[in-house]
Amino acid sequence: MRQLITGDEGAIRALYSRFGPPIYTLGLRMLGSQQEAEELTQDVFVAAWRKGARFDAERGRLSTWLMAIGHNLAVDRLRHERGPARPPLVLVEEVPESPVDEETMLLDRDAARRALSVLSIDERRLLSLAYFQGWTAREIAEAQGTPLGTVKTRLRTALIKLRRAQADDARAAAAKGIVE
C-alpha cells in the first residue's frame, strides 16, 4: 500500500494479480455478467489507486477494504441500472385478479399473527419502519439515536425469529395435514 500511495504502478499490478479474481467473482455474482464484473474489477482498482491513502491497516485487512469497495460499487450499479434489464412496470389495472380463498386468507392472517407474536414491541416497530415505511437502517438509527450496527443487528434478529416462527408453523401445519 505504501508503494501504491507513492504512485508505483507495480504495486497496482501486484494488487490486481492477488485480489482481482475474488473481486471479479464478487462482481459476477452480484451483477450477473462477465462484462460488468470486469468493469467493476477495473473500477475497484482505479478507486484503490485514487484512495490508497485512506486505507488504514489498523481498521482491517487490505482484502476486506478492496472487497468493500467492490461491494459498494456493485450495489451502486444495481441501484442505478436502467434500460431493458429493469423489469417493465405493470399498471395495477393490468394485473389479473386471483381468486380469493377465504379459508386460505384466514390461515395466512393467523400464521402472520403467530409469527409476529414472537417479536418484541421494539422488533415489530423496527420491522414496520423498515418494511412498511421504507426507512433504511441508517435512517432508523438516526431517528432513534441508536448506533447503525445495533439497528442492523436488531433487524436481522427479528427477521431470523420470523423465519423460525414461519418454519415452525409450516411444520405444524404439515403434521396436521394442512398443505399451504
N, C-alpha and C. Protein backbone atom coordinates (compact mmCIF):
# COMPACT_ATOMS: atom_id res chain seq x y z
N MET A 1 0.83 -1.19 0.00
CA MET A 1 0.00 0.00 0.00
C MET A 1 0.87 1.25 0.00
N ARG A 2 1.99 1.19 0.71
CA ARG A 2 2.89 2.36 0.69
C ARG A 2 3.37 2.64 -0.72
N GLN A 3 3.70 1.59 -1.45
CA GLN A 3 4.14 1.76 -2.83
C GLN A 3 3.02 2.32 -3.70
N LEU A 4 1.81 1.86 -3.46
CA LEU A 4 0.66 2.34 -4.21
C LEU A 4 0.46 3.83 -3.97
N ILE A 5 0.56 4.23 -2.72
CA ILE A 5 0.36 5.64 -2.35
C ILE A 5 1.41 6.53 -3.01
N THR A 6 2.63 6.01 -3.16
CA THR A 6 3.68 6.81 -3.80
C THR A 6 3.57 6.80 -5.31
N GLY A 7 2.60 6.07 -5.87
CA GLY A 7 2.38 6.09 -7.30
C GLY A 7 3.09 4.99 -8.07
N ASP A 8 3.56 3.98 -7.40
CA ASP A 8 4.26 2.88 -8.04
C ASP A 8 3.27 2.00 -8.80
N GLU A 9 3.40 1.96 -10.15
CA GLU A 9 2.47 1.17 -10.97
C GLU A 9 2.61 -0.33 -10.70
N GLY A 10 3.78 -0.76 -10.30
CA GLY A 10 3.99 -2.17 -9.98
C GLY A 10 3.13 -2.61 -8.81
N ALA A 11 2.87 -1.68 -7.90
CA ALA A 11 2.04 -2.01 -6.74
C ALA A 11 0.61 -2.32 -7.15
N ILE A 12 0.07 -1.53 -8.08
CA ILE A 12 -1.31 -1.78 -8.51
C ILE A 12 -1.39 -3.09 -9.28
N ARG A 13 -0.34 -3.40 -10.04
CA ARG A 13 -0.31 -4.69 -10.75
C ARG A 13 -0.27 -5.85 -9.76
N ALA A 14 0.54 -5.71 -8.71
CA ALA A 14 0.62 -6.77 -7.70
C ALA A 14 -0.72 -6.95 -6.98
N LEU A 15 -1.37 -5.84 -6.64
CA LEU A 15 -2.69 -5.92 -6.01
C LEU A 15 -3.69 -6.59 -6.93
N TYR A 16 -3.65 -6.19 -8.20
CA TYR A 16 -4.60 -6.72 -9.17
C TYR A 16 -4.42 -8.23 -9.33
N SER A 17 -3.18 -8.68 -9.42
CA SER A 17 -2.98 -10.13 -9.62
C SER A 17 -3.38 -10.92 -8.37
N ARG A 18 -3.23 -10.32 -7.21
CA ARG A 18 -3.57 -11.03 -5.97
C ARG A 18 -5.06 -10.96 -5.65
N PHE A 19 -5.67 -9.78 -5.82
CA PHE A 19 -7.06 -9.59 -5.37
C PHE A 19 -8.07 -9.45 -6.51
N GLY A 20 -7.60 -9.42 -7.76
CA GLY A 20 -8.51 -9.30 -8.90
C GLY A 20 -9.51 -10.43 -9.00
N PRO A 21 -9.06 -11.70 -8.91
CA PRO A 21 -10.02 -12.81 -9.06
C PRO A 21 -11.17 -12.81 -8.05
N PRO A 22 -10.92 -12.58 -6.74
CA PRO A 22 -12.08 -12.58 -5.83
C PRO A 22 -13.02 -11.38 -6.07
N ILE A 23 -12.46 -10.26 -6.49
CA ILE A 23 -13.31 -9.09 -6.77
C ILE A 23 -14.14 -9.36 -8.03
N TYR A 24 -13.52 -9.97 -9.03
CA TYR A 24 -14.24 -10.34 -10.25
C TYR A 24 -15.38 -11.30 -9.91
N THR A 25 -15.11 -12.29 -9.07
CA THR A 25 -16.13 -13.26 -8.67
C THR A 25 -17.28 -12.56 -7.95
N LEU A 26 -16.96 -11.62 -7.06
CA LEU A 26 -17.99 -10.84 -6.38
C LEU A 26 -18.85 -10.10 -7.41
N GLY A 27 -18.20 -9.44 -8.36
CA GLY A 27 -18.93 -8.71 -9.40
C GLY A 27 -19.81 -9.62 -10.23
N LEU A 28 -19.29 -10.78 -10.57
CA LEU A 28 -20.06 -11.73 -11.37
C LEU A 28 -21.30 -12.20 -10.62
N ARG A 29 -21.13 -12.50 -9.31
CA ARG A 29 -22.27 -12.94 -8.50
C ARG A 29 -23.30 -11.84 -8.35
N MET A 30 -22.84 -10.62 -8.12
CA MET A 30 -23.78 -9.53 -7.85
C MET A 30 -24.40 -8.95 -9.11
N LEU A 31 -23.62 -8.83 -10.17
CA LEU A 31 -24.08 -8.14 -11.36
C LEU A 31 -24.55 -9.07 -12.47
N GLY A 32 -24.10 -10.33 -12.43
CA GLY A 32 -24.63 -11.32 -13.34
C GLY A 32 -24.04 -11.39 -14.73
N SER A 33 -23.06 -10.56 -15.08
CA SER A 33 -22.46 -10.68 -16.41
C SER A 33 -20.94 -10.51 -16.31
N GLN A 34 -20.25 -11.18 -17.23
CA GLN A 34 -18.79 -11.10 -17.24
C GLN A 34 -18.32 -9.69 -17.52
N GLN A 35 -18.96 -9.03 -18.47
CA GLN A 35 -18.56 -7.67 -18.83
C GLN A 35 -18.69 -6.72 -17.64
N GLU A 36 -19.80 -6.80 -16.94
CA GLU A 36 -19.99 -5.92 -15.79
C GLU A 36 -19.03 -6.26 -14.67
N ALA A 37 -18.74 -7.55 -14.49
CA ALA A 37 -17.78 -7.96 -13.46
C ALA A 37 -16.39 -7.45 -13.78
N GLU A 38 -16.01 -7.49 -15.06
CA GLU A 38 -14.71 -6.97 -15.48
C GLU A 38 -14.62 -5.46 -15.25
N GLU A 39 -15.69 -4.74 -15.60
CA GLU A 39 -15.71 -3.29 -15.39
C GLU A 39 -15.64 -2.96 -13.91
N LEU A 40 -16.37 -3.71 -13.11
CA LEU A 40 -16.35 -3.49 -11.67
C LEU A 40 -14.95 -3.71 -11.12
N THR A 41 -14.30 -4.79 -11.54
CA THR A 41 -12.95 -5.09 -11.06
C THR A 41 -12.00 -3.95 -11.40
N GLN A 42 -12.10 -3.46 -12.61
CA GLN A 42 -11.25 -2.33 -13.02
C GLN A 42 -11.56 -1.10 -12.16
N ASP A 43 -12.83 -0.83 -11.94
CA ASP A 43 -13.22 0.34 -11.14
C ASP A 43 -12.73 0.24 -9.70
N VAL A 44 -12.71 -0.96 -9.15
CA VAL A 44 -12.21 -1.14 -7.79
C VAL A 44 -10.75 -0.74 -7.70
N PHE A 45 -9.97 -1.18 -8.66
CA PHE A 45 -8.54 -0.87 -8.61
C PHE A 45 -8.24 0.58 -8.95
N VAL A 46 -9.07 1.19 -9.77
CA VAL A 46 -8.94 2.64 -10.01
C VAL A 46 -9.23 3.38 -8.70
N ALA A 47 -10.28 2.96 -8.01
CA ALA A 47 -10.63 3.58 -6.73
C ALA A 47 -9.51 3.36 -5.71
N ALA A 48 -8.94 2.16 -5.68
CA ALA A 48 -7.83 1.88 -4.75
C ALA A 48 -6.64 2.77 -5.07
N TRP A 49 -6.37 2.98 -6.34
CA TRP A 49 -5.26 3.84 -6.78
C TRP A 49 -5.48 5.27 -6.28
N ARG A 50 -6.73 5.73 -6.44
CA ARG A 50 -7.05 7.11 -6.05
C ARG A 50 -7.17 7.29 -4.54
N LYS A 51 -7.68 6.28 -3.86
CA LYS A 51 -7.98 6.41 -2.43
C LYS A 51 -7.03 5.62 -1.54
N GLY A 52 -5.92 5.21 -2.07
CA GLY A 52 -4.98 4.38 -1.33
C GLY A 52 -4.57 4.96 0.01
N ALA A 53 -4.48 6.28 0.09
CA ALA A 53 -4.07 6.93 1.34
C ALA A 53 -5.13 6.74 2.44
N ARG A 54 -6.34 6.42 2.05
CA ARG A 54 -7.42 6.25 3.05
C ARG A 54 -7.38 4.89 3.73
N PHE A 55 -6.65 3.95 3.15
CA PHE A 55 -6.59 2.62 3.74
C PHE A 55 -5.86 2.69 5.09
N ASP A 56 -6.46 2.06 6.10
CA ASP A 56 -5.89 2.04 7.44
C ASP A 56 -5.78 0.58 7.88
N ALA A 57 -4.56 0.07 7.92
CA ALA A 57 -4.33 -1.34 8.27
C ALA A 57 -4.81 -1.67 9.68
N GLU A 58 -4.89 -0.68 10.54
CA GLU A 58 -5.36 -0.93 11.91
C GLU A 58 -6.86 -1.18 11.95
N ARG A 59 -7.58 -0.73 10.94
CA ARG A 59 -9.03 -0.90 10.91
C ARG A 59 -9.46 -2.19 10.23
N GLY A 60 -8.56 -2.79 9.46
CA GLY A 60 -8.93 -4.03 8.79
C GLY A 60 -7.92 -4.43 7.75
N ARG A 61 -8.18 -5.58 7.15
CA ARG A 61 -7.27 -6.14 6.15
C ARG A 61 -7.46 -5.46 4.80
N LEU A 62 -6.44 -5.50 4.00
CA LEU A 62 -6.48 -4.92 2.66
C LEU A 62 -7.54 -5.60 1.80
N SER A 63 -7.61 -6.92 1.90
CA SER A 63 -8.60 -7.65 1.11
C SER A 63 -10.02 -7.22 1.47
N THR A 64 -10.27 -7.00 2.74
CA THR A 64 -11.60 -6.56 3.20
C THR A 64 -11.91 -5.19 2.64
N TRP A 65 -10.92 -4.29 2.67
CA TRP A 65 -11.10 -2.93 2.15
C TRP A 65 -11.44 -2.96 0.67
N LEU A 66 -10.70 -3.75 -0.10
CA LEU A 66 -10.94 -3.84 -1.54
C LEU A 66 -12.30 -4.47 -1.84
N MET A 67 -12.64 -5.52 -1.10
CA MET A 67 -13.95 -6.17 -1.32
C MET A 67 -15.09 -5.23 -0.94
N ALA A 68 -14.90 -4.42 0.09
CA ALA A 68 -15.93 -3.45 0.46
C ALA A 68 -16.12 -2.42 -0.65
N ILE A 69 -15.02 -1.97 -1.24
CA ILE A 69 -15.12 -1.04 -2.37
C ILE A 69 -15.90 -1.71 -3.50
N GLY A 70 -15.56 -2.96 -3.79
CA GLY A 70 -16.25 -3.70 -4.85
C GLY A 70 -17.73 -3.87 -4.56
N HIS A 71 -18.04 -4.24 -3.34
CA HIS A 71 -19.45 -4.42 -2.97
C HIS A 71 -20.22 -3.11 -3.10
N ASN A 72 -19.66 -2.03 -2.59
CA ASN A 72 -20.34 -0.74 -2.66
C ASN A 72 -20.55 -0.28 -4.10
N LEU A 73 -19.53 -0.47 -4.94
CA LEU A 73 -19.68 -0.08 -6.35
C LEU A 73 -20.73 -0.94 -7.05
N ALA A 74 -20.77 -2.24 -6.73
CA ALA A 74 -21.77 -3.12 -7.34
C ALA A 74 -23.17 -2.73 -6.90
N VAL A 75 -23.34 -2.43 -5.63
CA VAL A 75 -24.65 -2.00 -5.14
C VAL A 75 -25.07 -0.71 -5.83
N ASP A 76 -24.14 0.22 -5.98
CA ASP A 76 -24.45 1.47 -6.69
C ASP A 76 -24.92 1.19 -8.11
N ARG A 77 -24.23 0.28 -8.79
CA ARG A 77 -24.63 -0.07 -10.16
C ARG A 77 -26.03 -0.68 -10.19
N LEU A 78 -26.30 -1.56 -9.25
CA LEU A 78 -27.62 -2.20 -9.22
C LEU A 78 -28.72 -1.18 -8.95
N ARG A 79 -28.43 -0.22 -8.09
CA ARG A 79 -29.42 0.80 -7.78
C ARG A 79 -29.70 1.72 -8.96
N HIS A 80 -28.69 1.92 -9.79
CA HIS A 80 -28.83 2.89 -10.88
C HIS A 80 -29.04 2.23 -12.24
N GLU A 81 -29.21 0.93 -12.25
CA GLU A 81 -29.38 0.26 -13.54
C GLU A 81 -30.67 0.75 -14.18
N ARG A 82 -30.62 0.85 -15.46
CA ARG A 82 -31.81 1.29 -16.20
C ARG A 82 -31.84 0.57 -17.54
N GLY A 83 -32.88 0.77 -18.26
CA GLY A 83 -32.98 0.16 -19.57
C GLY A 83 -33.70 -1.17 -19.52
N PRO A 84 -33.45 -2.02 -20.51
CA PRO A 84 -34.20 -3.27 -20.63
C PRO A 84 -33.94 -4.27 -19.51
N ALA A 85 -32.84 -4.10 -18.77
CA ALA A 85 -32.55 -5.04 -17.69
C ALA A 85 -33.55 -4.89 -16.55
N ARG A 86 -34.10 -3.70 -16.39
CA ARG A 86 -35.08 -3.46 -15.33
C ARG A 86 -36.44 -3.98 -15.80
N PRO A 87 -37.17 -4.69 -14.95
CA PRO A 87 -38.46 -5.23 -15.38
C PRO A 87 -39.44 -4.09 -15.69
N PRO A 88 -40.27 -4.28 -16.69
CA PRO A 88 -41.22 -3.22 -17.05
C PRO A 88 -42.28 -3.04 -15.96
N LEU A 89 -42.73 -1.83 -15.80
CA LEU A 89 -43.79 -1.55 -14.84
C LEU A 89 -45.12 -2.04 -15.40
N VAL A 90 -45.94 -2.57 -14.53
CA VAL A 90 -47.26 -3.05 -14.93
C VAL A 90 -48.28 -2.25 -14.13
N LEU A 91 -49.26 -1.71 -14.82
CA LEU A 91 -50.31 -0.97 -14.13
C LEU A 91 -51.15 -1.92 -13.30
N VAL A 92 -51.62 -1.43 -12.18
CA VAL A 92 -52.42 -2.27 -11.28
C VAL A 92 -53.64 -2.82 -12.01
N GLU A 93 -54.21 -2.02 -12.89
CA GLU A 93 -55.40 -2.46 -13.61
C GLU A 93 -55.09 -3.65 -14.52
N GLU A 94 -53.82 -3.83 -14.91
CA GLU A 94 -53.44 -4.90 -15.81
C GLU A 94 -53.15 -6.21 -15.10
N VAL A 95 -53.02 -6.17 -13.78
CA VAL A 95 -52.71 -7.38 -13.03
C VAL A 95 -54.00 -8.17 -12.85
N PRO A 96 -54.01 -9.42 -13.32
CA PRO A 96 -55.24 -10.20 -13.18
C PRO A 96 -55.53 -10.50 -11.71
N GLU A 97 -56.80 -10.46 -11.38
CA GLU A 97 -57.18 -10.77 -10.00
C GLU A 97 -57.13 -12.27 -9.79
N SER A 98 -56.58 -12.65 -8.66
CA SER A 98 -56.56 -14.07 -8.35
C SER A 98 -57.79 -14.37 -7.51
N PRO A 99 -58.31 -15.58 -7.66
CA PRO A 99 -59.50 -15.91 -6.87
C PRO A 99 -59.15 -15.87 -5.38
N VAL A 100 -60.03 -15.26 -4.61
CA VAL A 100 -59.80 -15.13 -3.17
C VAL A 100 -60.39 -16.34 -2.47
N ASP A 101 -59.53 -17.04 -1.77
CA ASP A 101 -59.95 -18.20 -1.00
C ASP A 101 -60.02 -17.74 0.46
N GLU A 102 -61.22 -17.56 0.96
CA GLU A 102 -61.44 -17.03 2.30
C GLU A 102 -60.71 -17.84 3.37
N GLU A 103 -60.75 -19.16 3.26
CA GLU A 103 -60.11 -20.00 4.28
C GLU A 103 -58.59 -19.82 4.27
N THR A 104 -57.99 -19.79 3.07
CA THR A 104 -56.54 -19.60 2.96
C THR A 104 -56.15 -18.23 3.49
N MET A 105 -56.98 -17.21 3.19
CA MET A 105 -56.69 -15.87 3.68
C MET A 105 -56.69 -15.84 5.21
N LEU A 106 -57.63 -16.52 5.83
CA LEU A 106 -57.69 -16.57 7.29
C LEU A 106 -56.50 -17.32 7.86
N LEU A 107 -56.10 -18.43 7.21
CA LEU A 107 -54.94 -19.19 7.67
C LEU A 107 -53.67 -18.34 7.57
N ASP A 108 -53.52 -17.60 6.44
CA ASP A 108 -52.35 -16.74 6.26
C ASP A 108 -52.31 -15.65 7.32
N ARG A 109 -53.46 -15.03 7.58
CA ARG A 109 -53.52 -13.97 8.59
C ARG A 109 -53.17 -14.51 9.97
N ASP A 110 -53.71 -15.68 10.30
CA ASP A 110 -53.41 -16.27 11.60
C ASP A 110 -51.94 -16.65 11.71
N ALA A 111 -51.35 -17.18 10.63
CA ALA A 111 -49.93 -17.53 10.63
C ALA A 111 -49.07 -16.28 10.82
N ALA A 112 -49.46 -15.21 10.16
CA ALA A 112 -48.71 -13.95 10.31
C ALA A 112 -48.80 -13.44 11.74
N ARG A 113 -49.96 -13.52 12.33
CA ARG A 113 -50.11 -13.08 13.73
C ARG A 113 -49.27 -13.93 14.68
N ARG A 114 -49.28 -15.25 14.46
CA ARG A 114 -48.47 -16.13 15.30
C ARG A 114 -46.98 -15.80 15.15
N ALA A 115 -46.55 -15.57 13.93
CA ALA A 115 -45.14 -15.26 13.69
C ALA A 115 -44.78 -13.93 14.35
N LEU A 116 -45.62 -12.93 14.21
CA LEU A 116 -45.33 -11.62 14.81
C LEU A 116 -45.37 -11.67 16.33
N SER A 117 -46.07 -12.62 16.89
CA SER A 117 -46.17 -12.69 18.35
C SER A 117 -44.84 -13.06 19.01
N VAL A 118 -43.91 -13.63 18.24
CA VAL A 118 -42.61 -13.98 18.82
C VAL A 118 -41.70 -12.76 18.93
N LEU A 119 -42.09 -11.65 18.32
CA LEU A 119 -41.26 -10.44 18.33
C LEU A 119 -41.63 -9.53 19.49
N SER A 120 -40.63 -8.81 19.98
CA SER A 120 -40.90 -7.79 21.00
C SER A 120 -41.54 -6.58 20.31
N ILE A 121 -42.07 -5.69 21.10
CA ILE A 121 -42.67 -4.46 20.56
C ILE A 121 -41.64 -3.67 19.78
N ASP A 122 -40.41 -3.57 20.31
CA ASP A 122 -39.35 -2.84 19.61
C ASP A 122 -39.00 -3.48 18.28
N GLU A 123 -38.95 -4.81 18.23
CA GLU A 123 -38.65 -5.51 16.98
C GLU A 123 -39.75 -5.27 15.95
N ARG A 124 -41.01 -5.30 16.39
CA ARG A 124 -42.12 -5.03 15.47
C ARG A 124 -42.04 -3.61 14.94
N ARG A 125 -41.69 -2.66 15.80
CA ARG A 125 -41.57 -1.26 15.40
C ARG A 125 -40.45 -1.10 14.36
N LEU A 126 -39.31 -1.74 14.61
CA LEU A 126 -38.19 -1.67 13.66
C LEU A 126 -38.59 -2.23 12.30
N LEU A 127 -39.21 -3.41 12.29
CA LEU A 127 -39.63 -4.01 11.03
C LEU A 127 -40.67 -3.16 10.32
N SER A 128 -41.54 -2.56 11.08
CA SER A 128 -42.56 -1.69 10.49
C SER A 128 -41.90 -0.48 9.80
N LEU A 129 -40.94 0.12 10.48
CA LEU A 129 -40.24 1.26 9.87
C LEU A 129 -39.49 0.84 8.62
N ALA A 130 -38.83 -0.31 8.68
CA ALA A 130 -38.01 -0.76 7.56
C ALA A 130 -38.86 -1.24 6.37
N TYR A 131 -39.89 -2.03 6.63
CA TYR A 131 -40.61 -2.67 5.54
C TYR A 131 -41.88 -1.96 5.12
N PHE A 132 -42.55 -1.30 6.03
CA PHE A 132 -43.79 -0.64 5.65
C PHE A 132 -43.60 0.85 5.41
N GLN A 133 -42.64 1.45 6.10
CA GLN A 133 -42.37 2.87 5.89
C GLN A 133 -41.22 3.08 4.90
N GLY A 134 -40.46 2.03 4.61
CA GLY A 134 -39.38 2.12 3.65
C GLY A 134 -38.12 2.81 4.16
N TRP A 135 -37.96 2.89 5.48
CA TRP A 135 -36.77 3.54 6.04
C TRP A 135 -35.56 2.62 5.90
N THR A 136 -34.40 3.22 5.69
CA THR A 136 -33.16 2.44 5.69
C THR A 136 -32.72 2.27 7.14
N ALA A 137 -31.79 1.33 7.35
CA ALA A 137 -31.26 1.12 8.70
C ALA A 137 -30.60 2.40 9.21
N ARG A 138 -29.93 3.12 8.32
CA ARG A 138 -29.28 4.37 8.71
C ARG A 138 -30.32 5.42 9.16
N GLU A 139 -31.42 5.51 8.44
CA GLU A 139 -32.47 6.46 8.82
C GLU A 139 -33.09 6.09 10.17
N ILE A 140 -33.30 4.82 10.40
CA ILE A 140 -33.84 4.36 11.69
C ILE A 140 -32.86 4.70 12.81
N ALA A 141 -31.58 4.42 12.57
CA ALA A 141 -30.55 4.70 13.59
C ALA A 141 -30.52 6.18 13.94
N GLU A 142 -30.55 7.03 12.92
CA GLU A 142 -30.51 8.47 13.17
C GLU A 142 -31.76 8.95 13.91
N ALA A 143 -32.92 8.43 13.51
CA ALA A 143 -34.17 8.86 14.14
C ALA A 143 -34.25 8.42 15.59
N GLN A 144 -33.71 7.24 15.90
CA GLN A 144 -33.80 6.71 17.25
C GLN A 144 -32.57 7.01 18.10
N GLY A 145 -31.54 7.58 17.48
CA GLY A 145 -30.31 7.85 18.23
C GLY A 145 -29.61 6.57 18.67
N THR A 146 -29.72 5.55 17.83
CA THR A 146 -29.13 4.24 18.12
C THR A 146 -28.01 3.99 17.12
N PRO A 147 -26.93 3.34 17.54
CA PRO A 147 -25.86 3.04 16.57
C PRO A 147 -26.38 2.21 15.40
N LEU A 148 -25.86 2.50 14.21
CA LEU A 148 -26.29 1.80 12.99
C LEU A 148 -26.12 0.29 13.12
N GLY A 149 -25.00 -0.16 13.64
CA GLY A 149 -24.77 -1.59 13.80
C GLY A 149 -25.80 -2.26 14.68
N THR A 150 -26.23 -1.55 15.72
CA THR A 150 -27.24 -2.08 16.63
C THR A 150 -28.57 -2.25 15.90
N VAL A 151 -28.94 -1.25 15.10
CA VAL A 151 -30.19 -1.33 14.35
C VAL A 151 -30.14 -2.50 13.37
N LYS A 152 -29.02 -2.65 12.66
CA LYS A 152 -28.89 -3.75 11.71
C LYS A 152 -28.98 -5.10 12.41
N THR A 153 -28.33 -5.23 13.55
CA THR A 153 -28.37 -6.48 14.31
C THR A 153 -29.79 -6.79 14.77
N ARG A 154 -30.48 -5.78 15.27
CA ARG A 154 -31.85 -5.99 15.75
C ARG A 154 -32.79 -6.37 14.61
N LEU A 155 -32.63 -5.73 13.45
CA LEU A 155 -33.46 -6.09 12.29
C LEU A 155 -33.19 -7.53 11.87
N ARG A 156 -31.93 -7.90 11.81
CA ARG A 156 -31.56 -9.26 11.41
C ARG A 156 -32.12 -10.27 12.41
N THR A 157 -32.00 -9.98 13.70
CA THR A 157 -32.51 -10.88 14.72
C THR A 157 -34.02 -11.05 14.59
N ALA A 158 -34.73 -9.95 14.34
CA ALA A 158 -36.18 -10.01 14.18
C ALA A 158 -36.55 -10.86 12.97
N LEU A 159 -35.83 -10.70 11.87
CA LEU A 159 -36.12 -11.49 10.67
C LEU A 159 -35.84 -12.97 10.90
N ILE A 160 -34.79 -13.27 11.62
CA ILE A 160 -34.48 -14.68 11.93
C ILE A 160 -35.60 -15.27 12.78
N LYS A 161 -36.08 -14.52 13.77
CA LYS A 161 -37.19 -15.01 14.60
C LYS A 161 -38.44 -15.27 13.75
N LEU A 162 -38.73 -14.35 12.81
CA LEU A 162 -39.90 -14.54 11.95
C LEU A 162 -39.76 -15.78 11.08
N ARG A 163 -38.57 -15.97 10.51
CA ARG A 163 -38.35 -17.15 9.66
C ARG A 163 -38.53 -18.43 10.46
N ARG A 164 -37.97 -18.45 11.68
CA ARG A 164 -38.11 -19.64 12.52
C ARG A 164 -39.58 -19.90 12.87
N ALA A 165 -40.29 -18.83 13.21
CA ALA A 165 -41.71 -18.99 13.55
C ALA A 165 -42.49 -19.49 12.34
N GLN A 166 -42.16 -18.97 11.16
CA GLN A 166 -42.85 -19.40 9.95
C GLN A 166 -42.53 -20.87 9.65
N ALA A 167 -41.27 -21.26 9.82
CA ALA A 167 -40.89 -22.66 9.59
C ALA A 167 -41.58 -23.58 10.59
N ASP A 168 -41.65 -23.17 11.86
CA ASP A 168 -42.33 -23.97 12.88
C ASP A 168 -43.81 -24.11 12.54
N ASP A 169 -44.41 -23.02 12.09
CA ASP A 169 -45.82 -23.03 11.73
C ASP A 169 -46.06 -23.96 10.54
N ALA A 170 -45.17 -23.91 9.56
CA ALA A 170 -45.31 -24.78 8.38
C ALA A 170 -45.16 -26.25 8.78
N ARG A 171 -44.21 -26.53 9.70
CA ARG A 171 -44.05 -27.92 10.15
C ARG A 171 -45.29 -28.39 10.91
N ALA A 172 -45.84 -27.52 11.74
CA ALA A 172 -47.04 -27.89 12.48
C ALA A 172 -48.23 -28.12 11.53
N ALA A 173 -48.34 -27.27 10.51
CA ALA A 173 -49.42 -27.45 9.54
C ALA A 173 -49.24 -28.74 8.76
N ALA A 174 -48.01 -29.05 8.40
CA ALA A 174 -47.74 -30.28 7.66
C ALA A 174 -48.08 -31.50 8.52
N ALA A 175 -47.77 -31.41 9.81
CA ALA A 175 -48.06 -32.53 10.71
C ALA A 175 -49.57 -32.74 10.84
N LYS A 176 -50.33 -31.64 10.72
CA LYS A 176 -51.79 -31.75 10.82
C LYS A 176 -52.41 -32.09 9.47
N GLY A 177 -51.57 -32.11 8.41
CA GLY A 177 -52.10 -32.45 7.09
C GLY A 177 -52.62 -31.26 6.32
N ILE A 178 -52.29 -30.06 6.77
CA ILE A 178 -52.71 -28.83 6.06
C ILE A 178 -51.60 -28.47 5.11
N VAL A 179 -51.92 -28.39 3.84
CA VAL A 179 -50.93 -28.03 2.83
C VAL A 179 -51.14 -26.58 2.45
N GLU A 180 -50.05 -25.81 2.47
CA GLU A 180 -50.17 -24.40 2.09
C GLU A 180 -49.68 -24.20 0.69
